[in-house]
Amino acid sequence: QMMEAKFPRVEMDILSMGMSGDFKVAIEEGATLIRVGTSVFGQRYLPD
């Protein structure tokens, strides 16, 4: 919708979505940037 609206100076290249538990689904749906912590660094001490 944003791309169709063609707002001046607005780019829509980045879709930041998907974290450790769901990044594969996010990639399948078009994510260009995934934010992964726990899967790489291990569990944190406090809940999400």
ModelCIF file with pLDDT and N, C-alpha, C, O atoms, coordinates in Angstrom:
data_MODEL
#
_entry.id   MODEL 
#
_entity.id                         1 
_entity.type                       polymer 
_entity.pdbx_number_of_molecules   1 
#
_entity_poly.entity_id                      1 
_entity_poly.type                           'polypeptide(L)' 
_entity_poly.nstd_linkage                   no 
_entity_poly.nstd_monomer                   no 
_entity_poly.pdbx_seq_one_letter_code       QMMEAKFPRVEMDILSMGMSGDFKVAIEEGATLIRVGTSVFGQRYLPD 
_entity_poly.pdbx_seq_one_letter_code_can   QMMEAKFPRVEMDILSMGMSGDFKVAIEEGATLIRVGTSVFGQRYLPD 
_entity_poly.pdbx_strand_id                 A 
#
loop_
_entity_poly_seq.entity_id 
_entity_poly_seq.num 
_entity_poly_seq.mon_id 
_entity_poly_seq.hetero 
1 1  GLN n 
1 2  MET n 
1 3  MET n 
1 4  GLU n 
1 5  ALA n 
1 6  LYS n 
1 7  PHE n 
1 8  PRO n 
1 9  ARG n 
1 10 VAL n 
1 11 GLU n 
1 12 MET n 
1 13 ASP n 
1 14 ILE n 
1 15 LEU n 
1 16 SER n 
1 17 MET n 
1 18 GLY n 
1 19 MET n 
1 20 SER n 
1 21 GLY n 
1 22 ASP n 
1 23 PHE n 
1 24 LYS n 
1 25 VAL n 
1 26 ALA n 
1 27 ILE n 
1 28 GLU n 
1 29 GLU n 
1 30 GLY n 
1 31 ALA n 
1 32 THR n 
1 33 LEU n 
1 34 ILE n 
1 35 ARG n 
1 36 VAL n 
1 37 GLY n 
1 38 THR n 
1 39 SER n 
1 40 VAL n 
1 41 PHE n 
1 42 GLY n 
1 43 GLN n 
1 44 ARG n 
1 45 TYR n 
1 46 LEU n 
1 47 PRO n 
1 48 ASP n 
#
_struct_asym.id          A 
_struct_asym.entity_id   1 
#
loop_
_ma_qa_metric.id 
_ma_qa_metric.mode 
_ma_qa_metric.name 
_ma_qa_metric.software_group_id 
_ma_qa_metric.type 
1 global pLDDT . pLDDT 
2 local  pLDDT . pLDDT 
#
_ma_qa_metric_global.metric_id      1 
_ma_qa_metric_global.metric_value   92.60 
_ma_qa_metric_global.model_id       1 
_ma_qa_metric_global.ordinal_id     1 
#
loop_
_ma_qa_metric_local.label_asym_id 
_ma_qa_metric_local.label_comp_id 
_ma_qa_metric_local.label_seq_id 
_ma_qa_metric_local.metric_id 
_ma_qa_metric_local.metric_value 
_ma_qa_metric_local.model_id 
_ma_qa_metric_local.ordinal_id 
A GLN 1  2 98.00 1 1  
A MET 2  2 98.00 1 2  
A MET 3  2 97.00 1 3  
A GLU 4  2 98.00 1 4  
A ALA 5  2 97.00 1 5  
A LYS 6  2 96.00 1 6  
A PHE 7  2 97.00 1 7  
A PRO 8  2 95.00 1 8  
A ARG 9  2 95.00 1 9  
A VAL 10 2 98.00 1 10 
A GLU 11 2 98.00 1 11 
A MET 12 2 98.00 1 12 
A ASP 13 2 98.00 1 13 
A ILE 14 2 98.00 1 14 
A LEU 15 2 98.00 1 15 
A SER 16 2 98.00 1 16 
A MET 17 2 98.00 1 17 
A GLY 18 2 97.00 1 18 
A MET 19 2 96.00 1 19 
A SER 20 2 94.00 1 20 
A GLY 21 2 92.00 1 21 
A ASP 22 2 95.00 1 22 
A PHE 23 2 97.00 1 23 
A LYS 24 2 96.00 1 24 
A VAL 25 2 96.00 1 25 
A ALA 26 2 97.00 1 26 
A ILE 27 2 98.00 1 27 
A GLU 28 2 97.00 1 28 
A GLU 29 2 97.00 1 29 
A GLY 30 2 98.00 1 30 
A ALA 31 2 98.00 1 31 
A THR 32 2 98.00 1 32 
A LEU 33 2 98.00 1 33 
A ILE 34 2 98.00 1 34 
A ARG 35 2 98.00 1 35 
A VAL 36 2 97.00 1 36 
A GLY 37 2 96.00 1 37 
A THR 38 2 94.00 1 38 
A SER 39 2 96.00 1 39 
A VAL 40 2 96.00 1 40 
A PHE 41 2 95.00 1 41 
A GLY 42 2 91.00 1 42 
A GLN 43 2 83.00 1 43 
A ARG 44 2 69.00 1 44 
A TYR 45 2 61.00 1 45 
A LEU 46 2 59.00 1 46 
A PRO 47 2 57.00 1 47 
A ASP 48 2 56.00 1 48 
#
loop_
_atom_site.group_PDB 
_atom_site.id 
_atom_site.type_symbol 
_atom_site.label_atom_id 
_atom_site.label_alt_id 
_atom_site.label_comp_id 
_atom_site.label_asym_id 
_atom_site.label_entity_id 
_atom_site.label_seq_id 
_atom_site.pdbx_PDB_ins_code 
_atom_site.Cartn_x 
_atom_site.Cartn_y 
_atom_site.Cartn_z 
_atom_site.occupancy 
_atom_site.B_iso_or_equiv 
_atom_site.pdbx_formal_charge 
_atom_site.auth_seq_id 
_atom_site.auth_comp_id 
_atom_site.auth_asym_id 
_atom_site.auth_atom_id 
_atom_site.pdbx_PDB_model_num 
ATOM 1   N N  . GLN A 1 1  ? 0.834  -1.215  0.000  1.00 98.00 ? 1  GLN A N  1 
ATOM 2   C CA . GLN A 1 1  ? 0.000  0.000   0.000  1.00 98.00 ? 1  GLN A CA 1 
ATOM 3   C C  . GLN A 1 1  ? 0.864  1.259   0.000  1.00 98.00 ? 1  GLN A C  1 
ATOM 4   O O  . GLN A 1 1  ? 0.558  2.235   -0.685 1.00 98.00 ? 1  GLN A O  1 
ATOM 5   N N  . MET A 1 2  ? 1.948  1.223   0.778  1.00 98.00 ? 2  MET A N  1 
ATOM 6   C CA . MET A 1 2  ? 2.870  2.368   0.849  1.00 98.00 ? 2  MET A CA 1 
ATOM 7   C C  . MET A 1 2  ? 3.488  2.636   -0.520 1.00 98.00 ? 2  MET A C  1 
ATOM 8   O O  . MET A 1 2  ? 3.604  3.784   -0.948 1.00 98.00 ? 2  MET A O  1 
ATOM 9   N N  . MET A 1 3  ? 3.881  1.565   -1.194 1.00 97.00 ? 3  MET A N  1 
ATOM 10  C CA . MET A 1 3  ? 4.507  1.722   -2.505 1.00 97.00 ? 3  MET A CA 1 
ATOM 11  C C  . MET A 1 3  ? 3.522  2.341   -3.501 1.00 97.00 ? 3  MET A C  1 
ATOM 12  O O  . MET A 1 3  ? 3.882  3.189   -4.318 1.00 97.00 ? 3  MET A O  1 
ATOM 13  N N  . GLU A 1 4  ? 2.269  1.889   -3.404 1.00 98.00 ? 4  GLU A N  1 
ATOM 14  C CA . GLU A 1 4  ? 1.244  2.440   -4.303 1.00 98.00 ? 4  GLU A CA 1 
ATOM 15  C C  . GLU A 1 4  ? 0.973  3.915   -4.001 1.00 98.00 ? 4  GLU A C  1 
ATOM 16  O O  . GLU A 1 4  ? 0.672  4.700   -4.900 1.00 98.00 ? 4  GLU A O  1 
ATOM 17  N N  . ALA A 1 5  ? 1.085  4.275   -2.722 1.00 97.00 ? 5  ALA A N  1 
ATOM 18  C CA . ALA A 1 5  ? 0.807  5.668   -2.328 1.00 97.00 ? 5  ALA A CA 1 
ATOM 19  C C  . ALA A 1 5  ? 1.877  6.627   -2.842 1.00 97.00 ? 5  ALA A C  1 
ATOM 20  O O  . ALA A 1 5  ? 1.627  7.823   -2.991 1.00 97.00 ? 5  ALA A O  1 
ATOM 21  N N  . LYS A 1 6  ? 3.075  6.095   -3.114 1.00 96.00 ? 6  LYS A N  1 
ATOM 22  C CA . LYS A 1 6  ? 4.176  6.904   -3.681 1.00 96.00 ? 6  LYS A CA 1 
ATOM 23  C C  . LYS A 1 6  ? 4.424  8.203   -2.914 1.00 96.00 ? 6  LYS A C  1 
ATOM 24  O O  . LYS A 1 6  ? 4.493  9.278   -3.509 1.00 96.00 ? 6  LYS A O  1 
ATOM 25  N N  . PHE A 1 7  ? 4.557  8.097   -1.604 1.00 97.00 ? 7  PHE A N  1 
ATOM 26  C CA . PHE A 1 7  ? 4.885  9.294   -0.829 1.00 97.00 ? 7  PHE A CA 1 
ATOM 27  C C  . PHE A 1 7  ? 6.295  9.758   -1.216 1.00 97.00 ? 7  PHE A C  1 
ATOM 28  O O  . PHE A 1 7  ? 7.212  8.944   -1.320 1.00 97.00 ? 7  PHE A O  1 
ATOM 29  N N  . PRO A 1 8  ? 6.462  11.070  -1.428 1.00 95.00 ? 8  PRO A N  1 
ATOM 30  C CA . PRO A 1 8  ? 7.796  11.564  -1.779 1.00 95.00 ? 8  PRO A CA 1 
ATOM 31  C C  . PRO A 1 8  ? 8.809  11.220  -0.684 1.00 95.00 ? 8  PRO A C  1 
ATOM 32  O O  . PRO A 1 8  ? 8.489  11.275  0.504  1.00 95.00 ? 8  PRO A O  1 
ATOM 33  N N  . ARG A 1 9  ? 10.016 10.869  -1.084 1.00 95.00 ? 9  ARG A N  1 
ATOM 34  C CA . ARG A 1 9  ? 11.138 10.596  -0.161 1.00 95.00 ? 9  ARG A CA 1 
ATOM 35  C C  . ARG A 1 9  ? 10.969 9.319   0.668  1.00 95.00 ? 9  ARG A C  1 
ATOM 36  O O  . ARG A 1 9  ? 11.848 9.001   1.470  1.00 95.00 ? 9  ARG A O  1 
ATOM 37  N N  . VAL A 1 10 ? 9.882  8.588   0.502  1.00 98.00 ? 10 VAL A N  1 
ATOM 38  C CA . VAL A 1 10 ? 9.682  7.386   1.313  1.00 98.00 ? 10 VAL A CA 1 
ATOM 39  C C  . VAL A 1 10 ? 10.141 6.160   0.526  1.00 98.00 ? 10 VAL A C  1 
ATOM 40  O O  . VAL A 1 10 ? 9.700  5.925   -0.600 1.00 98.00 ? 10 VAL A O  1 
ATOM 41  N N  . GLU A 1 11 ? 11.031 5.387   1.138  1.00 98.00 ? 11 GLU A N  1 
ATOM 42  C CA . GLU A 1 11 ? 11.450 4.119   0.541  1.00 98.00 ? 11 GLU A CA 1 
ATOM 43  C C  . GLU A 1 11 ? 10.842 2.980   1.350  1.00 98.00 ? 11 GLU A C  1 
ATOM 44  O O  . GLU A 1 11 ? 10.567 3.130   2.541  1.00 98.00 ? 11 GLU A O  1 
ATOM 45  N N  . MET A 1 12 ? 10.638 1.861   0.706  1.00 98.00 ? 12 MET A N  1 
ATOM 46  C CA . MET A 1 12 ? 10.014 0.717   1.392  1.00 98.00 ? 12 MET A CA 1 
ATOM 47  C C  . MET A 1 12 ? 10.804 -0.559  1.133  1.00 98.00 ? 12 MET A C  1 
ATOM 48  O O  . MET A 1 12 ? 10.232 -1.623  0.901  1.00 98.00 ? 12 MET A O  1 
ATOM 49  N N  . ASP A 1 13 ? 12.131 -0.435  1.176  1.00 98.00 ? 13 ASP A N  1 
ATOM 50  C CA . ASP A 1 13 ? 12.989 -1.579  0.851  1.00 98.00 ? 13 ASP A CA 1 
ATOM 51  C C  . ASP A 1 13 ? 13.143 -2.569  2.003  1.00 98.00 ? 13 ASP A C  1 
ATOM 52  O O  . ASP A 1 13 ? 13.418 -3.748  1.781  1.00 98.00 ? 13 ASP A O  1 
ATOM 53  N N  . ILE A 1 14 ? 12.964 -2.083  3.240  1.00 98.00 ? 14 ILE A N  1 
ATOM 54  C CA . ILE A 1 14 ? 13.265 -2.946  4.392  1.00 98.00 ? 14 ILE A CA 1 
ATOM 55  C C  . ILE A 1 14 ? 11.990 -3.415  5.075  1.00 98.00 ? 14 ILE A C  1 
ATOM 56  O O  . ILE A 1 14 ? 11.120 -2.611  5.412  1.00 98.00 ? 14 ILE A O  1 
ATOM 57  N N  . LEU A 1 15 ? 11.887 -4.715  5.275  1.00 98.00 ? 15 LEU A N  1 
ATOM 58  C CA . LEU A 1 15 ? 10.852 -5.285  6.142  1.00 98.00 ? 15 LEU A CA 1 
ATOM 59  C C  . LEU A 1 15 ? 11.574 -5.995  7.278  1.00 98.00 ? 15 LEU A C  1 
ATOM 60  O O  . LEU A 1 15 ? 12.121 -7.084  7.099  1.00 98.00 ? 15 LEU A O  1 
ATOM 61  N N  . SER A 1 16 ? 11.568 -5.360  8.452  1.00 98.00 ? 16 SER A N  1 
ATOM 62  C CA . SER A 1 16 ? 12.238 -5.927  9.623  1.00 98.00 ? 16 SER A CA 1 
ATOM 63  C C  . SER A 1 16 ? 11.204 -6.742  10.392 1.00 98.00 ? 16 SER A C  1 
ATOM 64  O O  . SER A 1 16 ? 10.345 -6.190  11.079 1.00 98.00 ? 16 SER A O  1 
ATOM 65  N N  . MET A 1 17 ? 11.301 -8.058  10.264 1.00 98.00 ? 17 MET A N  1 
ATOM 66  C CA . MET A 1 17 ? 10.344 -8.924  10.962 1.00 98.00 ? 17 MET A CA 1 
ATOM 67  C C  . MET A 1 17 ? 10.935 -10.314 11.101 1.00 98.00 ? 17 MET A C  1 
ATOM 68  O O  . MET A 1 17 ? 11.694 -10.787 10.255 1.00 98.00 ? 17 MET A O  1 
ATOM 69  N N  . GLY A 1 18 ? 10.556 -10.955 12.209 1.00 97.00 ? 18 GLY A N  1 
ATOM 70  C CA . GLY A 1 18 ? 11.080 -12.288 12.478 1.00 97.00 ? 18 GLY A CA 1 
ATOM 71  C C  . GLY A 1 18 ? 12.141 -12.236 13.558 1.00 97.00 ? 18 GLY A C  1 
ATOM 72  O O  . GLY A 1 18 ? 13.100 -11.470 13.473 1.00 97.00 ? 18 GLY A O  1 
ATOM 73  N N  . MET A 1 19 ? 11.951 -13.083 14.598 1.00 96.00 ? 19 MET A N  1 
ATOM 74  C CA . MET A 1 19 ? 12.915 -13.204 15.683 1.00 96.00 ? 19 MET A CA 1 
ATOM 75  C C  . MET A 1 19 ? 13.259 -14.695 15.812 1.00 96.00 ? 19 MET A C  1 
ATOM 76  O O  . MET A 1 19 ? 12.900 -15.495 14.948 1.00 96.00 ? 19 MET A O  1 
ATOM 77  N N  . SER A 1 20 ? 13.952 -15.057 16.888 1.00 94.00 ? 20 SER A N  1 
ATOM 78  C CA . SER A 1 20 ? 14.443 -16.442 16.986 1.00 94.00 ? 20 SER A CA 1 
ATOM 79  C C  . SER A 1 20 ? 13.367 -17.489 16.729 1.00 94.00 ? 20 SER A C  1 
ATOM 80  O O  . SER A 1 20 ? 13.619 -18.479 16.042 1.00 94.00 ? 20 SER A O  1 
ATOM 81  N N  . GLY A 1 21 ? 12.157 -17.280 17.278 1.00 92.00 ? 21 GLY A N  1 
ATOM 82  C CA . GLY A 1 21 ? 11.122 -18.302 17.185 1.00 92.00 ? 21 GLY A CA 1 
ATOM 83  C C  . GLY A 1 21 ? 10.390 -18.356 15.861 1.00 92.00 ? 21 GLY A C  1 
ATOM 84  O O  . GLY A 1 21 ? 9.732  -19.351 15.556 1.00 92.00 ? 21 GLY A O  1 
ATOM 85  N N  . ASP A 1 22 ? 10.497 -17.289 15.063 1.00 95.00 ? 22 ASP A N  1 
ATOM 86  C CA . ASP A 1 22 ? 9.626  -17.234 13.877 1.00 95.00 ? 22 ASP A CA 1 
ATOM 87  C C  . ASP A 1 22 ? 10.301 -16.669 12.624 1.00 95.00 ? 22 ASP A C  1 
ATOM 88  O O  . ASP A 1 22 ? 9.615  -16.301 11.670 1.00 95.00 ? 22 ASP A O  1 
ATOM 89  N N  . PHE A 1 23 ? 11.631 -16.598 12.615 1.00 97.00 ? 23 PHE A N  1 
ATOM 90  C CA . PHE A 1 23 ? 12.282 -15.931 11.476 1.00 97.00 ? 23 PHE A CA 1 
ATOM 91  C C  . PHE A 1 23 ? 12.139 -16.691 10.163 1.00 97.00 ? 23 PHE A C  1 
ATOM 92  O O  . PHE A 1 23 ? 12.179 -16.089 9.090  1.00 97.00 ? 23 PHE A O  1 
ATOM 93  N N  . LYS A 1 24 ? 11.971 -18.029 10.241 1.00 96.00 ? 24 LYS A N  1 
ATOM 94  C CA . LYS A 1 24 ? 11.830 -18.785 8.991  1.00 96.00 ? 24 LYS A CA 1 
ATOM 95  C C  . LYS A 1 24 ? 10.508 -18.414 8.303  1.00 96.00 ? 24 LYS A C  1 
ATOM 96  O O  . LYS A 1 24 ? 10.453 -18.226 7.087  1.00 96.00 ? 24 LYS A O  1 
ATOM 97  N N  . VAL A 1 25 ? 9.447  -18.316 9.112  1.00 96.00 ? 25 VAL A N  1 
ATOM 98  C CA . VAL A 1 25 ? 8.140  -17.897 8.583  1.00 96.00 ? 25 VAL A CA 1 
ATOM 99  C C  . VAL A 1 25 ? 8.240  -16.472 8.031  1.00 96.00 ? 25 VAL A C  1 
ATOM 100 O O  . VAL A 1 25 ? 7.684  -16.162 6.978  1.00 96.00 ? 25 VAL A O  1 
ATOM 101 N N  . ALA A 1 26 ? 8.958  -15.612 8.759  1.00 97.00 ? 26 ALA A N  1 
ATOM 102 C CA . ALA A 1 26 ? 9.113  -14.214 8.327  1.00 97.00 ? 26 ALA A CA 1 
ATOM 103 C C  . ALA A 1 26 ? 9.804  -14.137 6.971  1.00 97.00 ? 26 ALA A C  1 
ATOM 104 O O  . ALA A 1 26 ? 9.403  -13.358 6.106  1.00 97.00 ? 26 ALA A O  1 
ATOM 105 N N  . ILE A 1 27 ? 10.846 -14.949 6.789  1.00 98.00 ? 27 ILE A N  1 
ATOM 106 C CA . ILE A 1 27 ? 11.560 -14.955 5.501  1.00 98.00 ? 27 ILE A CA 1 
ATOM 107 C C  . ILE A 1 27 ? 10.623 -15.412 4.383  1.00 98.00 ? 27 ILE A C  1 
ATOM 108 O O  . ILE A 1 27 ? 10.617 -14.841 3.292  1.00 98.00 ? 27 ILE A O  1 
ATOM 109 N N  . GLU A 1 28 ? 9.838  -16.443 4.665  1.00 97.00 ? 28 GLU A N  1 
ATOM 110 C CA . GLU A 1 28 ? 8.887  -16.936 3.658  1.00 97.00 ? 28 GLU A CA 1 
ATOM 111 C C  . GLU A 1 28 ? 7.887  -15.855 3.271  1.00 97.00 ? 28 GLU A C  1 
ATOM 112 O O  . GLU A 1 28 ? 7.382  -15.843 2.149  1.00 97.00 ? 28 GLU A O  1 
ATOM 113 N N  . GLU A 1 29 ? 7.599  -14.943 4.206  1.00 97.00 ? 29 GLU A N  1 
ATOM 114 C CA . GLU A 1 29 ? 6.606  -13.884 3.940  1.00 97.00 ? 29 GLU A CA 1 
ATOM 115 C C  . GLU A 1 29 ? 7.232  -12.556 3.501  1.00 97.00 ? 29 GLU A C  1 
ATOM 116 O O  . GLU A 1 29 ? 6.531  -11.555 3.356  1.00 97.00 ? 29 GLU A O  1 
ATOM 117 N N  . GLY A 1 30 ? 8.554  -12.549 3.291  1.00 98.00 ? 30 GLY A N  1 
ATOM 118 C CA . GLY A 1 30 ? 9.153  -11.365 2.678  1.00 98.00 ? 30 GLY A CA 1 
ATOM 119 C C  . GLY A 1 30 ? 10.088 -10.524 3.540  1.00 98.00 ? 30 GLY A C  1 
ATOM 120 O O  . GLY A 1 30 ? 10.475 -9.430  3.130  1.00 98.00 ? 30 GLY A O  1 
ATOM 121 N N  . ALA A 1 31 ? 10.462 -11.011 4.730  1.00 98.00 ? 31 ALA A N  1 
ATOM 122 C CA . ALA A 1 31 ? 11.397 -10.246 5.570  1.00 98.00 ? 31 ALA A CA 1 
ATOM 123 C C  . ALA A 1 31 ? 12.693 -9.972  4.815  1.00 98.00 ? 31 ALA A C  1 
ATOM 124 O O  . ALA A 1 31 ? 13.184 -10.834 4.086  1.00 98.00 ? 31 ALA A O  1 
ATOM 125 N N  . THR A 1 32 ? 13.247 -8.773  4.989  1.00 98.00 ? 32 THR A N  1 
ATOM 126 C CA . THR A 1 32 ? 14.580 -8.486  4.436  1.00 98.00 ? 32 THR A CA 1 
ATOM 127 C C  . THR A 1 32 ? 15.607 -8.352  5.556  1.00 98.00 ? 32 THR A C  1 
ATOM 128 O O  . THR A 1 32 ? 16.812 -8.323  5.305  1.00 98.00 ? 32 THR A O  1 
ATOM 129 N N  . LEU A 1 33 ? 15.115 -8.271  6.802  1.00 98.00 ? 33 LEU A N  1 
ATOM 130 C CA . LEU A 1 33 ? 15.999 -8.110  7.959  1.00 98.00 ? 33 LEU A CA 1 
ATOM 131 C C  . LEU A 1 33 ? 15.358 -8.870  9.118  1.00 98.00 ? 33 LEU A C  1 
ATOM 132 O O  . LEU A 1 33 ? 14.225 -8.577  9.501  1.00 98.00 ? 33 LEU A O  1 
ATOM 133 N N  . ILE A 1 34 ? 16.078 -9.844  9.678  1.00 98.00 ? 34 ILE A N  1 
ATOM 134 C CA . ILE A 1 34 ? 15.539 -10.589 10.814 1.00 98.00 ? 34 ILE A CA 1 
ATOM 135 C C  . ILE A 1 34 ? 16.358 -10.253 12.059 1.00 98.00 ? 34 ILE A C  1 
ATOM 136 O O  . ILE A 1 34 ? 17.562 -10.011 11.971 1.00 98.00 ? 34 ILE A O  1 
ATOM 137 N N  . ARG A 1 35 ? 15.694 -10.241 13.221 1.00 98.00 ? 35 ARG A N  1 
ATOM 138 C CA . ARG A 1 35 ? 16.340 -9.810  14.474 1.00 98.00 ? 35 ARG A CA 1 
ATOM 139 C C  . ARG A 1 35 ? 16.459 -11.017 15.400 1.00 98.00 ? 35 ARG A C  1 
ATOM 140 O O  . ARG A 1 35 ? 15.494 -11.401 16.060 1.00 98.00 ? 35 ARG A O  1 
ATOM 141 N N  . VAL A 1 36 ? 17.649 -11.611 15.443 1.00 97.00 ? 36 VAL A N  1 
ATOM 142 C CA . VAL A 1 36 ? 17.811 -12.884 16.149 1.00 97.00 ? 36 VAL A CA 1 
ATOM 143 C C  . VAL A 1 36 ? 18.790 -12.731 17.314 1.00 97.00 ? 36 VAL A C  1 
ATOM 144 O O  . VAL A 1 36 ? 19.918 -12.273 17.128 1.00 97.00 ? 36 VAL A O  1 
ATOM 145 N N  . GLY A 1 37 ? 18.355 -13.114 18.510 1.00 96.00 ? 37 GLY A N  1 
ATOM 146 C CA . GLY A 1 37 ? 19.229 -13.062 19.676 1.00 96.00 ? 37 GLY A CA 1 
ATOM 147 C C  . GLY A 1 37 ? 19.417 -14.422 20.316 1.00 96.00 ? 37 GLY A C  1 
ATOM 148 O O  . GLY A 1 37 ? 20.509 -14.989 20.295 1.00 96.00 ? 37 GLY A O  1 
ATOM 149 N N  . THR A 1 38 ? 18.334 -14.942 20.886 1.00 94.00 ? 38 THR A N  1 
ATOM 150 C CA . THR A 1 38 ? 18.380 -16.177 21.669 1.00 94.00 ? 38 THR A CA 1 
ATOM 151 C C  . THR A 1 38 ? 18.973 -17.354 20.879 1.00 94.00 ? 38 THR A C  1 
ATOM 152 O O  . THR A 1 38 ? 19.758 -18.129 21.425 1.00 94.00 ? 38 THR A O  1 
ATOM 153 N N  . SER A 1 39 ? 18.609 -17.488 19.620 1.00 96.00 ? 39 SER A N  1 
ATOM 154 C CA . SER A 1 39 ? 19.087 -18.632 18.829 1.00 96.00 ? 39 SER A CA 1 
ATOM 155 C C  . SER A 1 39 ? 20.594 -18.620 18.644 1.00 96.00 ? 39 SER A C  1 
ATOM 156 O O  . SER A 1 39 ? 21.206 -19.661 18.407 1.00 96.00 ? 39 SER A O  1 
ATOM 157 N N  . VAL A 1 40 ? 21.195 -17.433 18.753 1.00 96.00 ? 40 VAL A N  1 
ATOM 158 C CA . VAL A 1 40 ? 22.645 -17.328 18.587 1.00 96.00 ? 40 VAL A CA 1 
ATOM 159 C C  . VAL A 1 40 ? 23.362 -17.283 19.935 1.00 96.00 ? 40 VAL A C  1 
ATOM 160 O O  . VAL A 1 40 ? 24.362 -17.971 20.140 1.00 96.00 ? 40 VAL A O  1 
ATOM 161 N N  . PHE A 1 41 ? 22.841 -16.469 20.847 1.00 95.00 ? 41 PHE A N  1 
ATOM 162 C CA . PHE A 1 41 ? 23.563 -16.207 22.103 1.00 95.00 ? 41 PHE A CA 1 
ATOM 163 C C  . PHE A 1 41 ? 23.083 -17.057 23.275 1.00 95.00 ? 41 PHE A C  1 
ATOM 164 O O  . PHE A 1 41 ? 23.698 -17.046 24.341 1.00 95.00 ? 41 PHE A O  1 
ATOM 165 N N  . GLY A 1 42 ? 21.986 -17.794 23.084 1.00 91.00 ? 42 GLY A N  1 
ATOM 166 C CA . GLY A 1 42 ? 21.450 -18.611 24.176 1.00 91.00 ? 42 GLY A CA 1 
ATOM 167 C C  . GLY A 1 42 ? 20.338 -17.875 24.918 1.00 91.00 ? 42 GLY A C  1 
ATOM 168 O O  . GLY A 1 42 ? 20.093 -16.692 24.686 1.00 91.00 ? 42 GLY A O  1 
ATOM 169 N N  . GLN A 1 43 ? 19.681 -18.593 25.802 1.00 83.00 ? 43 GLN A N  1 
ATOM 170 C CA . GLN A 1 43 ? 18.526 -18.046 26.536 1.00 83.00 ? 43 GLN A CA 1 
ATOM 171 C C  . GLN A 1 43 ? 18.939 -16.868 27.411 1.00 83.00 ? 43 GLN A C  1 
ATOM 172 O O  . GLN A 1 43 ? 20.037 -16.839 27.966 1.00 83.00 ? 43 GLN A O  1 
ATOM 173 N N  . ARG A 1 44 ? 18.035 -15.899 27.521 1.00 69.00 ? 44 ARG A N  1 
ATOM 174 C CA . ARG A 1 44 ? 18.258 -14.789 28.449 1.00 69.00 ? 44 ARG A CA 1 
ATOM 175 C C  . ARG A 1 44 ? 17.644 -15.134 29.791 1.00 69.00 ? 44 ARG A C  1 
ATOM 176 O O  . ARG A 1 44 ? 16.894 -16.101 29.919 1.00 69.00 ? 44 ARG A O  1 
ATOM 177 N N  . TYR A 1 45 ? 17.974 -14.329 30.788 1.00 61.00 ? 45 TYR A N  1 
ATOM 178 C CA . TYR A 1 45 ? 17.478 -14.625 32.143 1.00 61.00 ? 45 TYR A CA 1 
ATOM 179 C C  . TYR A 1 45 ? 16.059 -14.127 32.362 1.00 61.00 ? 45 TYR A C  1 
ATOM 180 O O  . TYR A 1 45 ? 15.364 -14.592 33.266 1.00 61.00 ? 45 TYR A O  1 
ATOM 181 N N  . LEU A 1 46 ? 15.634 -13.191 31.544 1.00 59.00 ? 46 LEU A N  1 
ATOM 182 C CA . LEU A 1 46 ? 14.317 -12.589 31.756 1.00 59.00 ? 46 LEU A CA 1 
ATOM 183 C C  . LEU A 1 46 ? 13.441 -12.872 30.538 1.00 59.00 ? 46 LEU A C  1 
ATOM 184 O O  . LEU A 1 46 ? 13.960 -13.048 29.436 1.00 59.00 ? 46 LEU A O  1 
ATOM 185 N N  . PRO A 1 47 ? 12.131 -12.917 30.720 1.00 57.00 ? 47 PRO A N  1 
ATOM 186 C CA . PRO A 1 47 ? 11.245 -13.255 29.601 1.00 57.00 ? 47 PRO A CA 1 
ATOM 187 C C  . PRO A 1 47 ? 11.169 -12.139 28.560 1.00 57.00 ? 47 PRO A C  1 
ATOM 188 O O  . PRO A 1 47 ? 11.505 -10.989 28.842 1.00 57.00 ? 47 PRO A O  1 
ATOM 189 N N  . ASP A 1 48 ? 10.724 -12.494 27.356 1.00 56.00 ? 48 ASP A N  1 
ATOM 190 C CA . ASP A 1 48 ? 10.608 -11.509 26.271 1.00 56.00 ? 48 ASP A CA 1 
ATOM 191 C C  . ASP A 1 48 ? 9.817  -10.280 26.667 1.00 56.00 ? 48 ASP A C  1 
ATOM 192 O O  . ASP A 1 48 ? 9.640  -9.371  25.856 1.00 56.00 ? 48 ASP A O  1 
#
